[in-house]
Amino acid sequence: MPISRIEFLKDAVHYAGLEAVQMSRGSMSGSLAFQEADGIAFSSGLIGGRVTLRGPLSKDMVTIGLCLQAPSGTRHWMQEIHSGNIGVFQPGDEHESYYTPGSLYVTASFSMERLEAEAAKTGLVLDAGRLGGTGVHDRKVHADA
C-alpha cells in the first residue's frame, strides 16, 4: 500500500492505531505491507519522510521488530538505532520513535502463548518475565542474515 498521507502511518504496524506526526514539509512517500498467517501479523514499511510515531504497537500481542535500514537520525525512545537492531515491544507498552527518510522495517506480532510455544520447540523456556520489558536489544542482527 503506498503512503501518500501521514494518516496512513497510524497503522505502520497492522491495527496499531499509532499517533503519527509529519516532521518535514512536502508530501509523504513510502509503502506499507501486511500479511497474517498462523496467528502472526506481519507488517513492513518503507518511510520516505521525517515522522514520529507514538503509542502501543499492540494492546494484546508481543511485537518483535527488525530495522532493516536505519538512516542516520532514526531513533527509538531518543536513542539512535541502526540497521540490524531488534526491538521487543510488550503488549500495551508505549512505543516512541522518530524515523528519517529511507527507514525500512519489518515486524511480527503474536500472542505470548505463541512465543512460548515456538521457544519450547527449540528447548527454551521463555516467559514474560524472562523476556524483559519493551526496548531495543543490545545485539544487532548481522547484515548477512
N, C-alpha and C. Protein backbone atom coordinates (compact mmCIF):
# COMPACT_ATOMS: atom_id res chain seq x y z
N MET A 1 0.84 -1.16 0.00
CA MET A 1 0.00 0.00 0.00
C MET A 1 0.90 1.24 0.00
N PRO A 2 0.76 2.10 -0.96
CA PRO A 2 1.58 3.31 -0.97
C PRO A 2 1.18 4.28 0.14
N ILE A 3 2.14 4.98 0.69
CA ILE A 3 1.89 6.01 1.70
C ILE A 3 1.86 7.35 0.98
N SER A 4 0.71 8.02 1.03
CA SER A 4 0.61 9.33 0.39
C SER A 4 0.25 10.42 1.40
N ARG A 5 -0.20 10.02 2.60
CA ARG A 5 -0.55 10.97 3.65
C ARG A 5 -0.08 10.42 4.99
N ILE A 6 0.19 11.31 5.93
CA ILE A 6 0.68 10.92 7.24
C ILE A 6 -0.30 9.99 7.95
N GLU A 7 -1.59 10.16 7.70
CA GLU A 7 -2.60 9.33 8.36
C GLU A 7 -2.41 7.84 8.09
N PHE A 8 -1.80 7.50 6.98
CA PHE A 8 -1.58 6.09 6.64
C PHE A 8 -0.66 5.41 7.66
N LEU A 9 0.21 6.20 8.30
CA LEU A 9 1.19 5.63 9.23
C LEU A 9 0.62 5.32 10.61
N LYS A 10 -0.65 5.63 10.84
CA LYS A 10 -1.25 5.24 12.12
C LYS A 10 -1.24 3.72 12.26
N ASP A 11 -1.24 3.03 11.15
CA ASP A 11 -1.15 1.58 11.16
C ASP A 11 0.16 1.10 10.55
N ALA A 12 1.26 1.77 10.92
CA ALA A 12 2.59 1.34 10.46
C ALA A 12 2.87 -0.09 10.91
N VAL A 13 2.29 -0.47 12.04
CA VAL A 13 2.20 -1.86 12.47
C VAL A 13 0.72 -2.18 12.44
N HIS A 14 0.35 -3.23 11.73
CA HIS A 14 -1.06 -3.55 11.45
C HIS A 14 -1.94 -3.43 12.69
N TYR A 15 -2.99 -2.62 12.58
CA TYR A 15 -4.00 -2.38 13.62
C TYR A 15 -3.50 -1.63 14.84
N ALA A 16 -2.33 -1.03 14.80
CA ALA A 16 -1.78 -0.38 16.00
C ALA A 16 -2.54 0.89 16.38
N GLY A 17 -2.94 1.70 15.42
CA GLY A 17 -3.61 2.95 15.73
C GLY A 17 -2.69 3.97 16.37
N LEU A 18 -1.49 4.09 15.85
CA LEU A 18 -0.47 4.98 16.39
C LEU A 18 -0.79 6.45 16.13
N GLU A 19 -0.20 7.31 16.94
CA GLU A 19 -0.22 8.74 16.68
C GLU A 19 0.95 9.03 15.75
N ALA A 20 0.66 9.54 14.55
CA ALA A 20 1.70 9.81 13.55
C ALA A 20 1.75 11.31 13.27
N VAL A 21 2.96 11.86 13.31
CA VAL A 21 3.15 13.30 13.06
C VAL A 21 4.24 13.46 12.01
N GLN A 22 3.92 14.22 10.97
CA GLN A 22 4.91 14.51 9.91
C GLN A 22 5.81 15.64 10.40
N MET A 23 7.13 15.44 10.33
CA MET A 23 8.09 16.41 10.83
C MET A 23 8.83 17.15 9.72
N SER A 24 8.41 16.94 8.47
CA SER A 24 9.05 17.62 7.35
C SER A 24 7.98 18.09 6.38
N ARG A 25 8.32 19.08 5.60
CA ARG A 25 7.38 19.61 4.60
C ARG A 25 7.26 18.68 3.42
N GLY A 26 6.27 18.95 2.61
CA GLY A 26 6.11 18.18 1.38
C GLY A 26 5.21 16.98 1.58
N SER A 27 5.08 16.24 0.50
CA SER A 27 4.20 15.08 0.54
C SER A 27 4.91 13.88 1.16
N MET A 28 4.12 12.99 1.69
CA MET A 28 4.64 11.74 2.27
C MET A 28 4.86 10.74 1.15
N SER A 29 5.78 9.84 1.39
CA SER A 29 6.00 8.76 0.43
C SER A 29 6.42 7.52 1.20
N GLY A 30 6.45 6.42 0.50
CA GLY A 30 6.83 5.15 1.10
C GLY A 30 5.77 4.11 0.82
N SER A 31 5.83 3.02 1.56
CA SER A 31 4.84 1.95 1.37
C SER A 31 4.73 1.10 2.63
N LEU A 32 3.59 0.46 2.78
CA LEU A 32 3.33 -0.46 3.87
C LEU A 32 2.85 -1.78 3.28
N ALA A 33 3.18 -2.88 3.95
CA ALA A 33 2.71 -4.19 3.52
C ALA A 33 2.32 -4.98 4.77
N PHE A 34 1.23 -5.76 4.66
CA PHE A 34 0.72 -6.54 5.78
C PHE A 34 0.39 -7.94 5.32
N GLN A 35 0.55 -8.90 6.24
CA GLN A 35 0.18 -10.30 5.99
C GLN A 35 -0.14 -10.93 7.33
N GLU A 36 -1.16 -11.76 7.36
CA GLU A 36 -1.47 -12.53 8.56
C GLU A 36 -1.45 -14.00 8.19
N ALA A 37 -0.77 -14.80 9.02
CA ALA A 37 -0.69 -16.24 8.78
C ALA A 37 -0.43 -16.96 10.09
N ASP A 38 -1.17 -18.00 10.34
CA ASP A 38 -0.96 -18.87 11.51
C ASP A 38 -0.89 -18.09 12.82
N GLY A 39 -1.75 -17.10 12.98
CA GLY A 39 -1.78 -16.33 14.22
C GLY A 39 -0.70 -15.29 14.37
N ILE A 40 0.04 -15.02 13.31
CA ILE A 40 1.09 -14.00 13.34
C ILE A 40 0.72 -12.89 12.36
N ALA A 41 0.78 -11.64 12.82
CA ALA A 41 0.51 -10.49 11.96
C ALA A 41 1.85 -9.85 11.59
N PHE A 42 2.16 -9.86 10.31
CA PHE A 42 3.41 -9.28 9.80
C PHE A 42 3.13 -7.90 9.23
N SER A 43 4.04 -6.98 9.48
CA SER A 43 3.96 -5.63 8.92
C SER A 43 5.34 -5.24 8.42
N SER A 44 5.37 -4.48 7.35
CA SER A 44 6.63 -3.96 6.83
C SER A 44 6.38 -2.57 6.29
N GLY A 45 7.37 -1.71 6.43
CA GLY A 45 7.20 -0.36 5.94
C GLY A 45 8.50 0.26 5.48
N LEU A 46 8.36 1.09 4.47
CA LEU A 46 9.44 1.95 3.98
C LEU A 46 8.91 3.37 4.13
N ILE A 47 9.59 4.17 4.96
CA ILE A 47 9.12 5.52 5.26
C ILE A 47 9.97 6.53 4.51
N GLY A 48 9.31 7.37 3.72
CA GLY A 48 10.02 8.32 2.87
C GLY A 48 10.00 9.74 3.37
N GLY A 49 9.77 9.95 4.65
CA GLY A 49 9.76 11.29 5.21
C GLY A 49 10.24 11.26 6.64
N ARG A 50 10.26 12.43 7.27
CA ARG A 50 10.62 12.51 8.69
C ARG A 50 9.31 12.48 9.47
N VAL A 51 9.14 11.45 10.31
CA VAL A 51 7.90 11.27 11.04
C VAL A 51 8.18 10.78 12.46
N THR A 52 7.25 11.10 13.37
CA THR A 52 7.26 10.50 14.69
C THR A 52 6.05 9.59 14.79
N LEU A 53 6.25 8.48 15.48
CA LEU A 53 5.16 7.53 15.75
C LEU A 53 5.15 7.28 17.25
N ARG A 54 3.95 7.26 17.83
CA ARG A 54 3.83 7.08 19.27
C ARG A 54 2.59 6.26 19.58
N GLY A 55 2.75 5.36 20.57
CA GLY A 55 1.63 4.56 21.05
C GLY A 55 1.99 3.09 21.11
N PRO A 56 1.13 2.27 21.70
CA PRO A 56 1.39 0.83 21.75
C PRO A 56 1.31 0.22 20.35
N LEU A 57 2.20 -0.74 20.06
CA LEU A 57 2.15 -1.42 18.77
C LEU A 57 1.04 -2.45 18.74
N SER A 58 0.69 -2.99 19.90
CA SER A 58 -0.44 -3.90 20.04
C SER A 58 -0.91 -3.86 21.48
N LYS A 59 -2.20 -3.98 21.68
CA LYS A 59 -2.74 -3.99 23.03
C LYS A 59 -2.59 -5.35 23.70
N ASP A 60 -2.58 -6.42 22.90
CA ASP A 60 -2.60 -7.76 23.49
C ASP A 60 -1.59 -8.74 22.90
N MET A 61 -0.71 -8.28 22.03
CA MET A 61 0.27 -9.18 21.43
C MET A 61 1.68 -8.63 21.61
N VAL A 62 2.65 -9.54 21.65
CA VAL A 62 4.07 -9.18 21.66
C VAL A 62 4.44 -8.84 20.22
N THR A 63 5.22 -7.80 20.02
CA THR A 63 5.69 -7.44 18.68
C THR A 63 7.21 -7.44 18.69
N ILE A 64 7.78 -8.13 17.72
CA ILE A 64 9.23 -8.10 17.52
C ILE A 64 9.47 -7.38 16.21
N GLY A 65 10.33 -6.37 16.23
CA GLY A 65 10.62 -5.59 15.04
C GLY A 65 12.09 -5.65 14.69
N LEU A 66 12.36 -5.67 13.41
CA LEU A 66 13.73 -5.67 12.90
C LEU A 66 13.90 -4.46 12.00
N CYS A 67 14.90 -3.65 12.32
CA CYS A 67 15.22 -2.48 11.49
C CYS A 67 16.13 -2.95 10.36
N LEU A 68 15.60 -2.98 9.16
CA LEU A 68 16.38 -3.43 8.01
C LEU A 68 17.29 -2.34 7.49
N GLN A 69 16.83 -1.10 7.59
CA GLN A 69 17.62 0.05 7.13
C GLN A 69 17.28 1.24 8.00
N ALA A 70 18.28 1.80 8.66
CA ALA A 70 18.07 2.94 9.56
C ALA A 70 19.01 4.08 9.17
N PRO A 71 18.53 5.00 8.36
CA PRO A 71 19.37 6.16 8.04
C PRO A 71 19.72 6.94 9.31
N SER A 72 20.78 7.69 9.25
CA SER A 72 21.24 8.48 10.39
C SER A 72 20.10 9.31 10.97
N GLY A 73 20.00 9.30 12.29
CA GLY A 73 18.99 10.11 12.98
C GLY A 73 17.74 9.33 13.35
N THR A 74 17.60 8.09 12.90
CA THR A 74 16.43 7.29 13.25
C THR A 74 16.55 6.90 14.71
N ARG A 75 15.46 7.07 15.48
CA ARG A 75 15.53 6.88 16.92
C ARG A 75 14.32 6.14 17.47
N HIS A 76 14.57 5.42 18.57
CA HIS A 76 13.52 4.86 19.42
C HIS A 76 13.81 5.35 20.82
N TRP A 77 12.81 5.95 21.46
CA TRP A 77 12.97 6.49 22.81
C TRP A 77 14.22 7.38 22.92
N MET A 78 14.42 8.22 21.93
CA MET A 78 15.52 9.20 21.90
C MET A 78 16.90 8.58 21.76
N GLN A 79 17.00 7.28 21.53
CA GLN A 79 18.27 6.61 21.30
C GLN A 79 18.38 6.26 19.83
N GLU A 80 19.50 6.62 19.21
CA GLU A 80 19.67 6.30 17.80
C GLU A 80 19.71 4.79 17.61
N ILE A 81 19.00 4.32 16.57
CA ILE A 81 19.04 2.90 16.23
C ILE A 81 19.72 2.76 14.88
N HIS A 82 20.11 1.52 14.58
CA HIS A 82 20.88 1.25 13.37
C HIS A 82 20.30 0.04 12.65
N SER A 83 20.68 -0.14 11.41
CA SER A 83 20.28 -1.32 10.66
C SER A 83 20.69 -2.56 11.44
N GLY A 84 19.77 -3.51 11.55
CA GLY A 84 20.04 -4.74 12.28
C GLY A 84 19.56 -4.73 13.72
N ASN A 85 19.13 -3.58 14.22
CA ASN A 85 18.60 -3.54 15.58
C ASN A 85 17.27 -4.28 15.66
N ILE A 86 17.07 -4.95 16.80
CA ILE A 86 15.83 -5.68 17.06
C ILE A 86 15.15 -5.03 18.25
N GLY A 87 13.86 -4.79 18.11
CA GLY A 87 13.07 -4.26 19.21
C GLY A 87 12.05 -5.28 19.65
N VAL A 88 11.85 -5.38 20.97
CA VAL A 88 10.81 -6.23 21.54
C VAL A 88 9.82 -5.30 22.22
N PHE A 89 8.55 -5.41 21.86
CA PHE A 89 7.52 -4.50 22.35
C PHE A 89 6.44 -5.33 23.04
N GLN A 90 6.33 -5.18 24.35
CA GLN A 90 5.34 -5.90 25.13
C GLN A 90 3.94 -5.36 24.85
N PRO A 91 2.92 -6.19 25.02
CA PRO A 91 1.54 -5.73 24.80
C PRO A 91 1.22 -4.49 25.63
N GLY A 92 0.67 -3.47 24.98
CA GLY A 92 0.24 -2.25 25.65
C GLY A 92 1.33 -1.26 25.98
N ASP A 93 2.61 -1.62 25.84
CA ASP A 93 3.69 -0.69 26.17
C ASP A 93 3.81 0.40 25.11
N GLU A 94 4.16 1.58 25.56
CA GLU A 94 4.32 2.73 24.66
C GLU A 94 5.54 2.57 23.76
N HIS A 95 5.34 2.92 22.51
CA HIS A 95 6.39 2.96 21.51
C HIS A 95 6.55 4.42 21.13
N GLU A 96 7.77 4.90 21.07
CA GLU A 96 8.02 6.28 20.66
C GLU A 96 9.22 6.28 19.73
N SER A 97 9.02 6.78 18.51
CA SER A 97 10.10 6.72 17.53
C SER A 97 10.12 7.95 16.64
N TYR A 98 11.27 8.14 16.03
CA TYR A 98 11.48 9.20 15.04
C TYR A 98 12.15 8.54 13.84
N TYR A 99 11.50 8.54 12.71
CA TYR A 99 12.03 7.91 11.51
C TYR A 99 12.48 8.95 10.50
N THR A 100 13.62 8.69 9.89
CA THR A 100 14.15 9.56 8.85
C THR A 100 13.90 8.91 7.49
N PRO A 101 13.96 9.68 6.40
CA PRO A 101 13.66 9.14 5.06
C PRO A 101 14.54 7.93 4.72
N GLY A 102 13.89 6.88 4.24
CA GLY A 102 14.59 5.66 3.87
C GLY A 102 14.56 4.59 4.94
N SER A 103 13.89 4.86 6.06
CA SER A 103 13.77 3.85 7.13
C SER A 103 12.95 2.68 6.63
N LEU A 104 13.44 1.48 6.88
CA LEU A 104 12.81 0.25 6.41
C LEU A 104 12.77 -0.75 7.57
N TYR A 105 11.60 -1.32 7.84
CA TYR A 105 11.45 -2.23 8.97
C TYR A 105 10.49 -3.36 8.64
N VAL A 106 10.52 -4.39 9.48
CA VAL A 106 9.56 -5.49 9.42
C VAL A 106 9.23 -5.87 10.86
N THR A 107 7.96 -6.21 11.12
CA THR A 107 7.55 -6.64 12.45
C THR A 107 6.73 -7.92 12.36
N ALA A 108 6.69 -8.63 13.48
CA ALA A 108 5.82 -9.79 13.64
C ALA A 108 5.16 -9.64 15.00
N SER A 109 3.83 -9.72 15.04
CA SER A 109 3.07 -9.62 16.28
C SER A 109 2.32 -10.92 16.52
N PHE A 110 2.39 -11.42 17.77
CA PHE A 110 1.76 -12.70 18.10
C PHE A 110 1.53 -12.76 19.60
N SER A 111 0.74 -13.74 20.03
CA SER A 111 0.43 -13.88 21.45
C SER A 111 1.65 -14.38 22.22
N MET A 112 1.66 -14.10 23.51
CA MET A 112 2.74 -14.60 24.37
C MET A 112 2.73 -16.13 24.36
N GLU A 113 1.55 -16.73 24.31
CA GLU A 113 1.45 -18.18 24.27
C GLU A 113 2.13 -18.74 23.02
N ARG A 114 1.94 -18.06 21.91
CA ARG A 114 2.58 -18.49 20.66
C ARG A 114 4.10 -18.38 20.77
N LEU A 115 4.59 -17.28 21.35
CA LEU A 115 6.03 -17.10 21.53
C LEU A 115 6.60 -18.19 22.43
N GLU A 116 5.92 -18.50 23.53
CA GLU A 116 6.39 -19.55 24.43
C GLU A 116 6.41 -20.91 23.74
N ALA A 117 5.39 -21.19 22.92
CA ALA A 117 5.32 -22.47 22.20
C ALA A 117 6.46 -22.59 21.19
N GLU A 118 6.75 -21.52 20.47
CA GLU A 118 7.86 -21.54 19.49
C GLU A 118 9.19 -21.71 20.20
N ALA A 119 9.36 -21.03 21.34
CA ALA A 119 10.61 -21.16 22.11
C ALA A 119 10.77 -22.59 22.61
N ALA A 120 9.68 -23.20 23.04
CA ALA A 120 9.74 -24.57 23.56
C ALA A 120 10.20 -25.56 22.49
N LYS A 121 9.88 -25.30 21.23
CA LYS A 121 10.31 -26.18 20.13
C LYS A 121 11.84 -26.27 20.04
N THR A 122 12.52 -25.24 20.51
CA THR A 122 13.99 -25.23 20.48
C THR A 122 14.59 -25.47 21.85
N GLY A 123 13.73 -25.85 22.83
CA GLY A 123 14.22 -26.16 24.16
C GLY A 123 14.37 -24.96 25.08
N LEU A 124 13.89 -23.79 24.66
CA LEU A 124 13.96 -22.60 25.50
C LEU A 124 12.72 -22.49 26.38
N VAL A 125 12.92 -22.09 27.61
CA VAL A 125 11.80 -21.77 28.48
C VAL A 125 11.73 -20.25 28.51
N LEU A 126 10.67 -19.72 27.99
CA LEU A 126 10.56 -18.28 27.84
C LEU A 126 9.23 -17.83 28.41
N ASP A 127 9.27 -16.83 29.26
CA ASP A 127 8.04 -16.26 29.78
C ASP A 127 8.19 -14.73 29.77
N ALA A 128 7.10 -14.06 30.08
CA ALA A 128 7.11 -12.59 30.02
C ALA A 128 8.20 -12.00 30.90
N GLY A 129 8.41 -12.56 32.09
CA GLY A 129 9.44 -12.04 32.99
C GLY A 129 10.83 -12.20 32.43
N ARG A 130 11.09 -13.32 31.78
CA ARG A 130 12.42 -13.57 31.21
C ARG A 130 12.66 -12.73 29.96
N LEU A 131 11.59 -12.46 29.23
CA LEU A 131 11.71 -11.68 28.01
C LEU A 131 12.15 -10.25 28.32
N GLY A 132 11.79 -9.77 29.48
CA GLY A 132 12.15 -8.41 29.86
C GLY A 132 11.11 -7.42 29.37
N GLY A 133 11.44 -6.15 29.50
CA GLY A 133 10.49 -5.11 29.11
C GLY A 133 10.67 -4.70 27.66
N THR A 134 9.87 -3.76 27.28
CA THR A 134 9.94 -3.21 25.94
C THR A 134 11.26 -2.46 25.75
N GLY A 135 11.89 -2.64 24.59
CA GLY A 135 13.12 -1.93 24.30
C GLY A 135 13.85 -2.51 23.11
N VAL A 136 14.98 -1.91 22.80
CA VAL A 136 15.83 -2.36 21.70
C VAL A 136 16.92 -3.24 22.28
N HIS A 137 17.11 -4.40 21.69
CA HIS A 137 18.11 -5.35 22.18
C HIS A 137 19.52 -4.82 21.93
N ASP A 138 20.44 -5.18 22.83
CA ASP A 138 21.83 -4.71 22.72
C ASP A 138 22.54 -5.25 21.48
N ARG A 139 22.24 -6.51 21.10
CA ARG A 139 22.90 -7.10 19.95
C ARG A 139 22.09 -6.86 18.68
N LYS A 140 22.78 -6.68 17.58
CA LYS A 140 22.14 -6.49 16.29
C LYS A 140 22.21 -7.76 15.48
N VAL A 141 21.30 -7.90 14.53
CA VAL A 141 21.33 -8.99 13.57
C VAL A 141 22.42 -8.66 12.56
N HIS A 142 23.27 -9.62 12.23
CA HIS A 142 24.34 -9.40 11.26
C HIS A 142 23.74 -9.09 9.89
N ALA A 143 24.34 -8.19 9.15
CA ALA A 143 23.83 -7.76 7.85
C ALA A 143 23.60 -8.91 6.87
N ASP A 144 24.45 -9.95 6.92
CA ASP A 144 24.27 -11.09 6.02
C ASP A 144 22.98 -11.84 6.29
N ALA A 145 22.57 -11.86 7.55
CA ALA A 145 21.33 -12.58 7.93
C ALA A 145 20.13 -11.86 7.38
